[in-house]
C-alpha atoms as a PDB file:
ATOM      1  CA  UNK A   1       0.000   0.000   0.000  1.00  0.00           C
ATOM      2  CA  UNK A   2       1.259   3.508  -0.767  1.00  0.00           C
ATOM      3  CA  UNK A   3       0.739   6.493   1.494  1.00  0.00           C
ATOM      4  CA  UNK A   4       1.215   9.992   0.099  1.00  0.00           C
ATOM      5  CA  UNK A   5       2.184  12.752   2.502  1.00  0.00           C
ATOM      6  CA  UNK A   6       1.277  16.437   2.263  1.00  0.00           C
ATOM      7  CA  UNK A   7       4.847  17.189   1.279  1.00  0.00           C
ATOM      8  CA  UNK A   8       4.592  14.954  -1.780  1.00  0.00           C
ATOM      9  CA  UNK A   9       6.739  12.180  -0.316  1.00  0.00           C
ATOM     10  CA  UNK A  10       5.653   8.586  -0.795  1.00  0.00           C
ATOM     11  CA  UNK A  11       5.849   6.023   1.995  1.00  0.00           C
ATOM     12  CA  UNK A  12       5.416   2.323   1.237  1.00  0.00           C
ATOM     13  CA  UNK A  13       3.451   0.591   3.975  1.00  0.00           C
ATOM     14  CA  UNK A  14       2.908  -3.170   4.141  1.00  0.00           C
ATOM     15  CA  UNK A  15      -0.736  -4.239   3.819  1.00  0.00           C
ATOM     16  CA  UNK A  16      -0.669  -6.328   6.985  1.00  0.00           C
ATOM     17  CA  UNK A  17       0.896  -6.206  10.394  1.00  0.00           C
ATOM     18  CA  UNK A  18       2.884  -9.211  11.573  1.00  0.00           C
ATOM     19  CA  UNK A  19       1.333 -11.038  14.522  1.00  0.00           C
ATOM     20  CA  UNK A  20       4.709 -10.809  16.244  1.00  0.00           C
ATOM     21  CA  UNK A  21       4.656  -7.011  16.281  1.00  0.00           C
ATOM     22  CA  UNK A  22       5.449  -6.012  19.843  1.00  0.00           C
ATOM     23  CA  UNK A  23       3.007  -3.760  21.604  1.00  0.00           C
ATOM     24  CA  UNK A  24       5.592  -2.753  24.206  1.00  0.00           C
ATOM     25  CA  UNK A  25       7.994  -1.709  21.465  1.00  0.00           C
ATOM     26  CA  UNK A  26       5.224   0.203  19.656  1.00  0.00           C
ATOM     27  CA  UNK A  27       4.320   2.079  22.869  1.00  0.00           C
ATOM     28  CA  UNK A  28       7.987   2.858  23.487  1.00  0.00           C
ATOM     29  CA  UNK A  29       8.470   4.135  19.915  1.00  0.00           C
ATOM     30  CA  UNK A  30       5.390   6.375  20.179  1.00  0.00           C
ATOM     31  CA  UNK A  31       6.810   7.900  23.376  1.00  0.00           C
ATOM     32  CA  UNK A  32      10.335   8.159  21.990  1.00  0.00           C
ATOM     33  CA  UNK A  33       9.109   9.849  18.777  1.00  0.00           C
ATOM     34  CA  UNK A  34       6.357  11.975  20.363  1.00  0.00           C
ATOM     35  CA  UNK A  35       7.723  15.175  18.813  1.00  0.00           C
ATOM     36  CA  UNK A  36       7.880  13.647  15.318  1.00  0.00           C
ATOM     37  CA  UNK A  37       5.124  14.097  12.763  1.00  0.00           C
ATOM     38  CA  UNK A  38       3.616  10.805  11.720  1.00  0.00           C
ATOM     39  CA  UNK A  39       3.894  11.658   8.015  1.00  0.00           C
ATOM     40  CA  UNK A  40       7.642  12.360   8.354  1.00  0.00           C
ATOM     41  CA  UNK A  41       8.760   9.582  10.722  1.00  0.00           C
ATOM     42  CA  UNK A  42       8.675   5.950   9.609  1.00  0.00           C
ATOM     43  CA  UNK A  43       9.246   4.733  13.194  1.00  0.00           C
ATOM     44  CA  UNK A  44       6.216   6.574  14.508  1.00  0.00           C
ATOM     45  CA  UNK A  45       4.078   5.504  11.550  1.00  0.00           C
ATOM     46  CA  UNK A  46       4.865   1.804  12.094  1.00  0.00           C
ATOM     47  CA  UNK A  47       4.251   2.089  15.838  1.00  0.00           C
ATOM     48  CA  UNK A  48       0.967   3.938  15.245  1.00  0.00           C
ATOM     49  CA  UNK A  49      -0.343   1.406  12.721  1.00  0.00           C
ATOM     50  CA  UNK A  50       0.704  -1.450  15.026  1.00  0.00           C
ATOM     51  CA  UNK A  51      -1.278   0.061  17.900  1.00  0.00           C
ATOM     52  CA  UNK A  52      -4.288   0.586  15.628  1.00  0.00           C
ATOM     53  CA  UNK A  53      -4.062  -3.004  14.379  1.00  0.00           C
ATOM     54  CA  UNK A  54      -4.127  -4.335  17.938  1.00  0.00           C
ATOM     55  CA  UNK A  55      -6.965  -2.026  19.009  1.00  0.00           C
ATOM     56  CA  UNK A  56      -4.877   0.112  21.371  1.00  0.00           C
ATOM     57  CA  UNK A  57      -5.558   3.299  19.354  1.00  0.00           C
ATOM     58  CA  UNK A  58      -8.815   4.183  17.635  1.00  0.00           C
ATOM     59  CA  UNK A  59      -8.278   6.988  15.101  1.00  0.00           C
ATOM     60  CA  UNK A  60     -10.757   9.842  15.184  1.00  0.00           C
ATOM     61  CA  UNK A  61     -13.297   9.972  12.380  1.00  0.00           C
ATOM     62  CA  UNK A  62     -13.693  13.751  12.616  1.00  0.00           C
ATOM     63  CA  UNK A  63     -11.255  16.592  11.989  1.00  0.00           C
ATOM     64  CA  UNK A  64      -9.903  18.823  14.773  1.00  0.00           C
ATOM     65  CA  UNK A  65     -12.033  21.646  13.325  1.00  0.00           C
ATOM     66  CA  UNK A  66     -15.215  19.544  13.582  1.00  0.00           C
ATOM     67  CA  UNK A  67     -14.381  18.438  17.140  1.00  0.00           C
ATOM     68  CA  UNK A  68     -13.848  22.049  18.252  1.00  0.00           C
ATOM     69  CA  UNK A  69     -17.173  23.126  16.750  1.00  0.00           C
ATOM     70  CA  UNK A  70     -18.930  20.179  18.426  1.00  0.00           C
ATOM     71  CA  UNK A  71     -17.531  21.271  21.815  1.00  0.00           C
ATOM     72  CA  UNK A  72     -18.749  24.814  21.257  1.00  0.00           C
ATOM     73  CA  UNK A  73     -15.259  26.285  20.993  1.00  0.00           C
ATOM     74  CA  UNK A  74     -14.583  29.362  18.897  1.00  0.00           C
ATOM     75  CA  UNK A  75     -12.983  28.451  15.596  1.00  0.00           C
ATOM     76  CA  UNK A  76     -11.842  31.024  13.043  1.00  0.00           C
ATOM     77  CA  UNK A  77     -13.800  31.031   9.810  1.00  0.00           C
ATOM     78  CA  UNK A  78     -11.471  29.195   7.433  1.00  0.00           C
ATOM     79  CA  UNK A  79     -13.755  29.609   4.448  1.00  0.00           C
ATOM     80  CA  UNK A  80     -13.030  33.360   4.197  1.00  0.00           C
ATOM     81  CA  UNK A  81      -9.349  34.041   4.951  1.00  0.00           C
ATOM     82  CA  UNK A  82      -8.355  37.590   5.777  1.00  0.00           C
ATOM     83  CA  UNK A  83      -6.320  39.470   3.229  1.00  0.00           C
ATOM     84  CA  UNK A  84      -2.641  39.413   4.059  1.00  0.00           C
ATOM     85  CA  UNK A  85      -2.468  43.194   4.529  1.00  0.00           C
ATOM     86  CA  UNK A  86      -5.184  43.093   7.233  1.00  0.00           C
ATOM     87  CA  UNK A  87      -3.167  40.534   9.164  1.00  0.00           C
ATOM     88  CA  UNK A  88      -0.002  42.654   8.905  1.00  0.00           C
ATOM     89  CA  UNK A  89      -1.895  45.778  10.022  1.00  0.00           C
ATOM     90  CA  UNK A  90      -3.256  43.927  13.045  1.00  0.00           C
ATOM     91  CA  UNK A  91       0.240  42.759  13.983  1.00  0.00           C
ATOM     92  CA  UNK A  92       1.565  46.324  13.658  1.00  0.00           C
ATOM     93  CA  UNK A  93      -1.165  47.575  16.031  1.00  0.00           C
ATOM     94  CA  UNK A  94      -0.347  44.827  18.508  1.00  0.00           C
ATOM     95  CA  UNK A  95       3.367  45.703  18.490  1.00  0.00           C
ATOM     96  CA  UNK A  96       2.603  49.412  19.012  1.00  0.00           C
ATOM     97  CA  UNK A  97       0.271  48.594  21.914  1.00  0.00           C
ATOM     98  CA  UNK A  98       2.885  46.389  23.531  1.00  0.00           C
ATOM     99  CA  UNK A  99       5.578  49.066  23.228  1.00  0.00           C
ATOM    100  CA  UNK A 100       3.303  51.859  24.477  1.00  0.00           C
ATOM    101  CA  UNK A 101       0.968  50.322  27.102  1.00  0.00           C
ATOM    102  CA  UNK A 102      -1.066  53.522  27.751  1.00  0.00           C
ATOM    103  CA  UNK A 103      -1.650  54.312  24.082  1.00  0.00           C
ATOM    104  CA  UNK A 104      -4.876  53.314  22.320  1.00  0.00           C
ATOM    105  CA  UNK A 105      -5.619  53.552  18.600  1.00  0.00           C
ATOM    106  CA  UNK A 106      -8.737  55.484  17.436  1.00  0.00           C
END
């Protein structure tokens, strides 16, 4: 089976997991590689799929965005991104406010 990452890299993953795959080793690798991204680290990917295969991890069926909305958390509207200049202007105002605490913009 082939897995394509967001970066365009291709990872070849075996279709099945060996019955001898060690759960202790998989747990250890997940802890050891906790700062790695799963689509960039073969060790973490193998450990993750091993834990899924043995029922120790159940992947979420919803996106982080959907889960936040379900919990009633504020989520920025990703369908209408702000123009880049508006973002830069907002950052400029923030920097000015931090440098001059008593000053407020009209």
